[in-house]
Every structure is written in structure tokens, then in C-alpha cells.
């Protein structure tokens, strides 16, 4: 069985990640909460960028053009 990649884990937890992003949690905190390693927290940021969220402030202010 193939081990899931960081992107796969983020995709499986996308609802939680969006809620936590709106609450202002750090990418490091989110990565730890969904079971990613300490050294792989950047994949959370890359996952958000792939969906069009470039900065946390954009989502809080409602100026994001992505899905969320």
C-alpha cells in the first residue's frame, strides 16, 4: 500500500483546513493537527496556493478569488 502524500492528506482534510485558516491558525499548527510531520508543514501552504488562496488575509477579508 502506498503512503499518502502531504497533498493527499490536505485534500482529505480540506474542510478542517479552511475553517482553521479562517480562524487564523498557522500552517505549522494545521500540519500537526492533520498528522503531517513537523518538516512538511509547507505543503499546507502549497495546497492553499493551488486552490487560489495566496495569503491568509485574503480569505479573512473576503478578497480571495479561489474556491473558498
N, C-alpha and C. Protein backbone atom coordinates (compact mmCIF):
# COMPACT_ATOMS: atom_id res chain seq x y z
N UNK A 1 0.84 -1.18 0.00
CA UNK A 1 0.00 0.00 0.00
C UNK A 1 0.88 1.24 0.00
N UNK A 2 0.55 2.19 -0.85
CA UNK A 2 1.32 3.41 -0.98
C UNK A 2 1.00 4.38 0.15
N UNK A 3 2.04 5.01 0.68
CA UNK A 3 1.86 6.01 1.72
C UNK A 3 1.28 7.28 1.11
N UNK A 4 0.31 7.90 1.78
CA UNK A 4 -0.31 9.12 1.27
C UNK A 4 0.67 10.28 1.29
N UNK A 5 0.60 11.10 0.26
CA UNK A 5 1.45 12.29 0.20
C UNK A 5 0.81 13.39 1.05
N UNK A 6 1.58 14.44 1.27
CA UNK A 6 1.07 15.58 2.04
C UNK A 6 -0.13 16.23 1.38
N UNK A 7 -0.10 16.31 0.05
CA UNK A 7 -1.22 16.90 -0.69
C UNK A 7 -2.47 16.05 -0.51
N UNK A 8 -2.31 14.73 -0.55
CA UNK A 8 -3.46 13.83 -0.35
C UNK A 8 -4.06 13.99 1.04
N UNK A 9 -3.21 14.17 2.04
CA UNK A 9 -3.68 14.35 3.41
C UNK A 9 -4.41 15.69 3.54
N UNK A 10 -3.88 16.73 2.90
CA UNK A 10 -4.55 18.04 2.92
C UNK A 10 -5.90 17.95 2.22
N UNK A 11 -5.96 17.26 1.11
CA UNK A 11 -7.21 17.13 0.37
C UNK A 11 -8.26 16.40 1.20
N UNK A 12 -7.83 15.39 1.93
CA UNK A 12 -8.77 14.64 2.77
C UNK A 12 -9.30 15.47 3.94
N UNK A 13 -8.54 16.49 4.35
CA UNK A 13 -8.91 17.32 5.49
C UNK A 13 -9.23 18.76 5.09
N UNK A 14 -9.67 18.96 3.85
CA UNK A 14 -9.83 20.33 3.35
C UNK A 14 -10.86 21.14 4.12
N UNK A 15 -11.92 20.52 4.60
CA UNK A 15 -12.92 21.27 5.36
C UNK A 15 -12.33 21.83 6.65
N UNK A 16 -11.56 21.01 7.35
CA UNK A 16 -10.91 21.46 8.58
C UNK A 16 -9.91 22.57 8.29
N UNK A 17 -9.13 22.40 7.23
CA UNK A 17 -8.10 23.39 6.90
C UNK A 17 -8.70 24.76 6.60
N UNK A 18 -9.81 24.78 5.88
CA UNK A 18 -10.45 26.06 5.55
C UNK A 18 -10.97 26.74 6.81
N UNK A 19 -11.58 25.97 7.69
CA UNK A 19 -12.09 26.53 8.95
C UNK A 19 -10.93 27.09 9.78
N UNK A 20 -9.86 26.32 9.87
CA UNK A 20 -8.71 26.77 10.67
C UNK A 20 -8.05 27.98 10.05
N UNK A 21 -8.03 28.07 8.73
CA UNK A 21 -7.46 29.24 8.07
C UNK A 21 -8.26 30.48 8.41
N UNK A 22 -9.58 30.35 8.40
CA UNK A 22 -10.44 31.48 8.76
C UNK A 22 -10.25 31.89 10.21
N UNK A 23 -9.91 30.93 11.08
CA UNK A 23 -9.66 31.22 12.49
C UNK A 23 -8.27 31.81 12.72
N UNK A 24 -7.42 31.77 11.70
CA UNK A 24 -6.09 32.37 11.82
C UNK A 24 -5.01 31.43 12.33
N UNK A 25 -5.27 30.13 12.28
CA UNK A 25 -4.25 29.16 12.73
C UNK A 25 -3.07 29.18 11.77
N UNK A 26 -1.89 28.85 12.28
CA UNK A 26 -0.69 28.83 11.45
C UNK A 26 -0.65 27.55 10.61
N UNK A 27 0.09 27.61 9.51
CA UNK A 27 0.24 26.42 8.67
C UNK A 27 0.92 25.29 9.45
N UNK A 28 1.87 25.65 10.30
CA UNK A 28 2.55 24.65 11.12
C UNK A 28 1.55 23.95 12.04
N UNK A 29 0.68 24.72 12.68
CA UNK A 29 -0.33 24.15 13.58
C UNK A 29 -1.26 23.23 12.81
N UNK A 30 -1.71 23.68 11.63
CA UNK A 30 -2.61 22.86 10.81
C UNK A 30 -1.96 21.55 10.40
N UNK A 31 -0.69 21.62 10.01
CA UNK A 31 0.02 20.41 9.58
C UNK A 31 0.10 19.40 10.73
N UNK A 32 0.42 19.89 11.91
CA UNK A 32 0.50 18.99 13.07
C UNK A 32 -0.87 18.40 13.39
N UNK A 33 -1.93 19.19 13.26
CA UNK A 33 -3.28 18.73 13.60
C UNK A 33 -3.80 17.65 12.66
N UNK A 34 -3.38 17.67 11.39
CA UNK A 34 -3.86 16.65 10.45
C UNK A 34 -2.88 15.50 10.28
N UNK A 35 -1.77 15.54 11.02
CA UNK A 35 -0.87 14.40 11.04
C UNK A 35 0.33 14.50 10.11
N UNK A 36 0.61 15.67 9.59
CA UNK A 36 1.83 15.85 8.79
C UNK A 36 3.01 16.06 9.72
N UNK A 37 4.18 15.72 9.26
CA UNK A 37 5.37 15.90 10.08
C UNK A 37 5.74 17.36 10.24
N UNK A 38 6.57 17.62 11.22
CA UNK A 38 7.00 18.99 11.50
C UNK A 38 7.73 19.62 10.33
N UNK A 39 8.42 18.81 9.55
CA UNK A 39 9.23 19.34 8.46
C UNK A 39 8.45 19.43 7.16
N UNK A 40 7.18 19.07 7.18
CA UNK A 40 6.38 19.06 5.96
C UNK A 40 5.22 20.05 6.02
N UNK A 41 5.33 21.07 6.87
CA UNK A 41 4.21 22.00 7.02
C UNK A 41 4.03 22.89 5.79
N UNK A 42 5.04 23.06 4.97
CA UNK A 42 4.94 23.93 3.79
C UNK A 42 3.94 23.38 2.78
N UNK A 43 3.65 22.09 2.85
CA UNK A 43 2.69 21.51 1.91
C UNK A 43 1.29 22.08 2.13
N UNK A 44 0.99 22.51 3.35
CA UNK A 44 -0.31 23.13 3.63
C UNK A 44 -0.42 24.45 2.86
N UNK A 45 0.62 25.24 2.89
CA UNK A 45 0.64 26.49 2.15
C UNK A 45 0.53 26.23 0.65
N UNK A 46 1.28 25.26 0.16
CA UNK A 46 1.24 24.92 -1.26
C UNK A 46 -0.15 24.44 -1.67
N UNK A 47 -0.82 23.71 -0.79
CA UNK A 47 -2.17 23.23 -1.09
C UNK A 47 -3.13 24.41 -1.22
N UNK A 48 -3.04 25.38 -0.30
CA UNK A 48 -3.90 26.56 -0.39
C UNK A 48 -3.60 27.36 -1.66
N UNK A 49 -2.33 27.51 -2.02
CA UNK A 49 -1.96 28.24 -3.23
C UNK A 49 -2.54 27.56 -4.46
N UNK A 50 -2.55 26.23 -4.47
CA UNK A 50 -3.10 25.51 -5.62
C UNK A 50 -4.60 25.76 -5.79
N UNK A 51 -5.28 26.15 -4.71
CA UNK A 51 -6.70 26.48 -4.77
C UNK A 51 -6.96 27.97 -4.89
N UNK A 52 -5.91 28.77 -5.04
CA UNK A 52 -6.08 30.19 -5.28
C UNK A 52 -6.05 31.07 -4.05
N UNK A 53 -5.78 30.53 -2.88
CA UNK A 53 -5.64 31.32 -1.67
C UNK A 53 -4.16 31.63 -1.51
N UNK A 54 -3.79 32.90 -1.70
CA UNK A 54 -2.38 33.25 -1.68
C UNK A 54 -1.91 33.77 -0.33
N UNK A 55 -2.78 34.41 0.40
CA UNK A 55 -2.43 34.93 1.72
C UNK A 55 -3.60 34.71 2.65
N UNK A 56 -3.32 34.50 3.91
CA UNK A 56 -4.38 34.31 4.90
C UNK A 56 -5.31 35.52 4.96
N UNK A 57 -4.75 36.72 4.80
CA UNK A 57 -5.53 37.94 4.91
C UNK A 57 -6.60 38.01 3.81
N UNK A 58 -6.31 37.46 2.64
CA UNK A 58 -7.27 37.49 1.54
C UNK A 58 -8.54 36.74 1.92
N UNK A 59 -8.39 35.61 2.59
CA UNK A 59 -9.55 34.82 2.97
C UNK A 59 -10.33 35.51 4.08
N UNK A 60 -9.62 36.10 5.03
CA UNK A 60 -10.30 36.79 6.13
C UNK A 60 -11.08 38.00 5.63
N UNK A 61 -10.51 38.73 4.66
CA UNK A 61 -11.14 39.93 4.14
C UNK A 61 -12.16 39.66 3.04
N UNK A 62 -12.22 38.43 2.58
CA UNK A 62 -13.17 38.09 1.54
C UNK A 62 -12.75 38.52 0.15
N UNK A 63 -11.46 38.78 -0.05
CA UNK A 63 -11.00 39.23 -1.36
C UNK A 63 -10.40 38.11 -2.19
N UNK A 64 -10.50 36.89 -1.73
CA UNK A 64 -9.91 35.75 -2.41
C UNK A 64 -10.76 35.37 -3.62
N UNK A 65 -10.11 35.04 -4.71
CA UNK A 65 -10.80 34.61 -5.92
C UNK A 65 -10.87 33.10 -6.04
N UNK A 66 -10.36 32.37 -5.06
CA UNK A 66 -10.36 30.91 -5.10
C UNK A 66 -11.72 30.32 -4.76
N UNK A 67 -11.76 29.02 -4.56
CA UNK A 67 -13.00 28.31 -4.27
C UNK A 67 -13.57 28.70 -2.93
N UNK A 68 -12.75 29.12 -2.02
CA UNK A 68 -13.21 29.34 -0.65
C UNK A 68 -13.47 30.80 -0.46
